[in-house]
Each structure stands twice: as structure tokens, then as C-alpha cells.
Protein backbone atom coordinates (compact mmCIF):
# COMPACT_ATOMS: atom_id res chain seq x y z
CA ALA A 1 34.34 -36.93 30.27
CA TRP A 2 33.50 -33.65 32.29
CA GLN A 3 36.38 -32.26 29.80
CA SER A 4 34.81 -33.75 26.35
CA ALA A 5 31.49 -31.62 27.62
CA LEU A 6 33.25 -28.73 27.79
CA ASP A 7 35.17 -29.12 24.83
CA LEU A 8 32.14 -29.52 22.33
CA LEU A 9 30.66 -26.71 24.01
CA ALA A 10 33.34 -24.55 22.77
CA ARG A 11 33.20 -26.49 19.41
CA MET A 12 30.00 -26.01 18.92
CA ARG A 13 30.02 -22.07 19.82
CA GLN A 14 32.56 -21.20 17.44
CA LEU A 15 31.72 -23.88 14.65
CA GLY A 16 27.81 -24.10 15.13
CA PRO A 17 25.38 -25.28 15.90
CA GLU A 18 25.10 -22.60 19.21
CA PRO A 19 24.11 -24.90 21.93
CA ASN A 20 20.89 -24.96 22.98
CA VAL A 21 19.22 -25.88 26.33
CA VAL A 22 19.32 -29.47 26.01
CA HIS A 23 23.33 -29.37 25.41
CA TYR A 24 23.64 -27.32 28.41
CA SER A 25 21.57 -29.07 30.47
CA ALA A 26 23.41 -32.03 29.55
CA ALA A 27 26.64 -30.75 30.06
CA ILE A 28 25.91 -29.24 33.86
CA ALA A 29 24.37 -33.05 34.58
CA GLY A 30 27.91 -34.49 33.22
CA PHE A 31 29.54 -32.38 35.31
CA ARG A 32 27.48 -33.20 38.43
CA ARG A 33 28.46 -36.69 37.97
CA CYS A 34 32.20 -36.02 37.46
CA LYS A 35 31.38 -33.58 41.02
CA GLN A 36 32.70 -30.31 38.70
CA TRP A 37 29.65 -27.98 40.94
CA GLN A 38 31.98 -24.87 39.37
CA LEU A 39 31.36 -25.87 35.98
CA SER A 40 28.41 -26.67 36.34
CA LEU A 41 27.60 -23.18 38.06
CA THR A 42 29.79 -21.30 35.13
CA SER A 43 27.37 -22.94 32.18
CA LEU A 44 24.16 -22.24 34.37
CA ALA A 45 25.52 -18.70 33.74
CA ALA A 46 26.86 -18.96 30.31
CA MET A 47 22.89 -19.64 29.53
CA LYS A 48 21.64 -17.03 31.07
CA HIS A 49 24.27 -14.63 29.33
CA LEU A 50 23.24 -16.32 26.11
CA ARG A 51 19.53 -15.64 26.87
CA LEU A 52 18.80 -19.57 26.93
CA HIS A 53 16.26 -20.45 29.42
CA PRO A 54 17.31 -23.28 32.08
CA ASN A 55 14.50 -25.89 32.77
CA VAL A 56 13.44 -27.21 35.33
CA MET A 57 15.75 -30.66 34.39
CA THR A 58 18.56 -28.05 34.31
CA TYR A 59 18.64 -26.67 37.56
CA SER A 60 17.99 -29.98 39.13
CA ALA A 61 21.10 -30.85 37.81
CA ALA A 62 23.06 -27.80 39.27
CA ILE A 63 21.45 -27.92 42.62
CA SER A 64 22.67 -31.97 42.48
CA ALA A 65 25.89 -30.60 41.47
CA CYS A 66 26.40 -28.12 44.47
CA GLU A 67 25.12 -31.07 46.87
CA LYS A 68 27.81 -33.04 45.72
CA GLY A 69 30.48 -30.81 46.24
CA ALA A 70 28.53 -29.68 50.02
CA GLN A 71 27.13 -25.96 48.63
CA TRP A 72 24.08 -25.88 50.49
CA GLN A 73 23.88 -22.32 50.16
CA LEU A 74 24.76 -21.94 46.55
CA ALA A 75 21.53 -24.75 46.13
CA LEU A 76 19.23 -22.80 47.75
CA ASN A 77 20.32 -19.77 45.38
CA ILE A 78 19.86 -21.57 42.38
CA LEU A 79 16.45 -22.91 43.92
CA ALA A 80 15.60 -18.83 44.29
CA ASP A 81 16.72 -18.13 40.85
CA MET A 82 14.58 -20.75 39.63
CA HIS A 83 11.58 -19.51 41.40
CA GLU A 84 12.30 -16.45 40.06
CA ALA A 85 12.60 -17.88 36.70
CA LYS A 86 8.35 -18.97 37.66
CA LEU A 87 9.52 -22.62 37.46
CA LEU A 88 8.27 -24.88 40.32
CA PRO A 89 10.44 -27.18 41.39
CA ASN A 90 9.60 -31.27 41.41
CA VAL A 91 10.98 -34.13 43.39
CA ILE A 92 14.55 -34.29 42.12
CA THR A 93 14.81 -30.92 43.10
CA CYS A 94 13.69 -30.65 46.56
CA SER A 95 15.25 -33.76 47.38
CA ALA A 96 18.78 -32.49 45.84
CA ALA A 97 18.34 -29.06 47.69
CA ILE A 98 17.51 -31.13 51.08
CA SER A 99 20.76 -33.30 50.63
CA ALA A 100 22.50 -30.40 50.24
CA CYS A 101 21.43 -28.67 53.34
CA GLU A 102 21.88 -32.82 54.75
CA LYS A 103 25.59 -32.53 53.90
CA GLN A 104 26.10 -29.74 56.09
CA ALA A 105 24.22 -30.59 59.24
CA GLU A 106 21.54 -27.70 58.01
CA TRP A 107 18.64 -28.68 59.68
CA GLN A 108 16.50 -25.74 59.65
CA GLN A 109 16.79 -25.06 55.95
CA ALA A 110 16.16 -28.87 55.49
CA LEU A 111 13.24 -28.53 57.55
CA ALA A 112 12.04 -25.50 56.12
CA LEU A 113 12.83 -26.85 52.08
CA MET A 114 10.80 -29.90 53.30
CA VAL A 115 7.47 -27.11 54.46
CA VAL A 116 8.13 -26.10 51.05
CA ALA A 117 8.35 -29.22 48.81
CA SER A 118 4.50 -29.96 50.88
CA LYS A 119 2.96 -26.90 49.59
CA LEU A 120 3.80 -28.13 45.82
CA ASP A 121 1.87 -30.35 43.61
CA PHE A 122 3.79 -33.77 44.88
CA VAL A 123 4.80 -35.11 48.25
CA PRO A 124 8.31 -35.75 49.37
CA ASP A 125 9.71 -39.04 48.38
CA VAL A 126 11.81 -41.13 51.00
CA ILE A 127 15.64 -39.36 49.62
CA SER A 128 13.76 -36.15 50.80
CA PHE A 129 12.41 -37.48 53.92
CA SER A 130 15.70 -39.27 55.25
CA ALA A 131 18.27 -36.46 54.25
CA ALA A 132 16.08 -34.38 56.28
CA ILE A 133 16.03 -36.78 59.01
CA SER A 134 19.71 -37.09 58.71
CA ALA A 135 19.92 -33.33 58.85
CA CYS A 136 18.35 -33.50 62.12
CA GLU A 137 20.07 -36.17 63.48
CA LYS A 138 23.61 -34.51 62.78
CA SER A 139 22.24 -31.11 64.77
CA GLY A 140 20.92 -33.81 67.83
CA GLN A 141 17.18 -32.82 66.58
CA TRP A 142 15.28 -35.73 68.09
CA THR A 143 11.98 -34.32 68.43
CA TYR A 144 12.37 -32.75 64.95
CA ALA A 145 13.45 -36.07 64.09
CA LEU A 146 10.53 -38.08 65.06
CA ASP A 147 8.51 -36.00 63.70
CA LEU A 148 9.73 -36.41 60.23
CA LEU A 149 9.73 -40.33 60.38
CA ALA A 150 6.29 -39.95 61.16
CA GLY A 151 5.02 -37.98 58.57
CA MET A 152 6.90 -40.09 56.13
CA MET A 153 4.83 -42.89 57.40
CA ARG A 154 1.64 -40.87 57.24
CA ALA A 155 2.65 -40.38 53.55
CA ASP A 156 2.73 -44.17 53.80
CA LEU A 157 6.95 -44.42 52.58
CA MET A 158 8.27 -47.09 53.63
CA PRO A 159 11.49 -45.88 55.49
CA ASP A 160 14.64 -46.67 54.65
CA SER A 161 17.79 -47.64 56.98
CA ILE A 162 19.27 -44.04 56.67
CA ALA A 163 16.22 -42.75 58.11
CA CYS A 164 15.56 -45.62 60.80
CA ASN A 165 19.42 -45.36 61.84
CA SER A 166 19.52 -41.29 61.94
CA VAL A 167 16.03 -41.28 63.92
CA VAL A 168 17.56 -43.65 66.64
CA SER A 169 20.61 -42.12 66.51
CA ALA A 170 18.80 -38.80 66.95
CA CYS A 171 17.04 -40.15 70.02
CA GLY A 172 20.33 -41.32 71.59
CA GLN A 173 22.70 -38.06 71.43
CA GLY A 174 19.69 -36.99 73.25
CA GLY A 175 19.48 -39.07 75.81
CA GLN A 176 16.42 -40.42 74.41
CA TRP A 177 17.11 -44.25 74.75
CA GLN A 178 13.59 -45.45 75.74
CA GLN A 179 12.08 -43.23 72.24
CA ALA A 180 15.05 -44.87 70.46
CA LEU A 181 13.89 -48.43 72.07
CA ALA A 182 10.11 -47.89 71.12
CA LEU A 183 11.24 -47.04 67.60
CA VAL A 184 13.20 -50.19 67.32
CA ALA A 185 10.11 -51.80 69.04
CA GLN A 186 7.78 -50.11 66.92
CA MET A 187 9.50 -50.79 63.05
CA ARG A 188 10.36 -54.68 64.19
CA ARG A 189 6.03 -54.74 64.49
CA ARG A 190 6.24 -53.04 61.32
CA GLY A 191 8.52 -55.72 59.75
CA ILE A 192 11.20 -53.11 59.03
CA LEU A 193 13.82 -53.74 61.39
CA ASP A 194 14.75 -57.34 59.69
CA ALA A 195 15.41 -55.01 56.65
CA PHE A 196 17.90 -52.84 58.37
CA SER A 197 21.22 -52.75 60.64
CA PHE A 198 20.78 -50.31 63.87
CA GLY A 199 24.19 -49.46 64.53
């Protein structure tokens, strides 16, 4: 599939019509699905060279491609490029960047992105919170994991199994078994425990 997208872009450049933002955005999204993050970045660079202006969807797809390739630094670079282009990230963009950081246990970066997201005109979603919590869990940052879970509840978001298991695991890693047991009891009272398997 990704080879077809490359061929189509090459054919359009040779024969016309010239590929536009929509064509490149679709190709970058396709490369993301095929885990070809390098091609996503090459296409993003080609757009800039052709003086095409990537939109939020284009940047989100490129950041998501970096997330799939565990390239958190490149994801953050693209987010910075987006800021320079005076485009505001949306919840999808932020979630992808946070997930990229989570894959490499970059908990400080994930928390910084949660702060950025909270200052924008949207509430981070379950994916954002869960990825940030998981990044904290991978780094043994149980207090931050608990804070994020509390923030999730304040935002009226139902924690998913990733968030719940990650917080319990982070507490366990930190020797905070009382906290972990209290969390399990709290989840049970809220009716959340039945839906999840704590490991």
C-alpha cells in the first residue's frame, strides 16, 4: 500500500496534476498505517520544499507515524514545527505525541505535553491520559501516575484498563502497595473494577 502511494505521488509530479496538501496528507496517513515513519517525514519535507502548507491533519499523521516508529524526539520536533507554522495541535496530535513519549518511557516529556494540552482549547482524552500514566509507570513515577488518574476522573473520563493497570503497577513498583490496594477498592466502588483485569 505504501509503495502505491509513493508511485502515485511520483506520477502526479511527472504528469500532473501537481500533488496538493490533501494528496500528501493522505500519503502520510498511509505511510503511518504501514509503519513507514521515514517516508512520512520525507513527504512532510517534500511538502515544505514545494511550498505546500501542511495542515493539522498532515502534522497529526506525521506525529502518529513517529509514534508508531517509537521516534519520540522526531514527534516533538514536528510538534515544534507545527507551532512555528502557527497551527494549534488538537487532541489527536497531542495524544500521538504523548504516546510517542510513552513508548520510550519519556515521562517528563509526556507530562509536559499534558500541560500544553490543558492550556489549549480541549480536554485531553482517555488515550492522552492513559499514555501519560503508562509513561510514568514505566519510569516508576507512581505519584505522577496517581495525579494523572485523579485528573482523568476530574475531567469525567472513565479510566481504561491501560490507565488502571499502569497506576496499580506504578504503585507496586514504588513499594506503595497500600496505595495500590486503595486504588483497587476505589475502582471497585465506582464499578470500574469489573471491566478490568488488574495484573
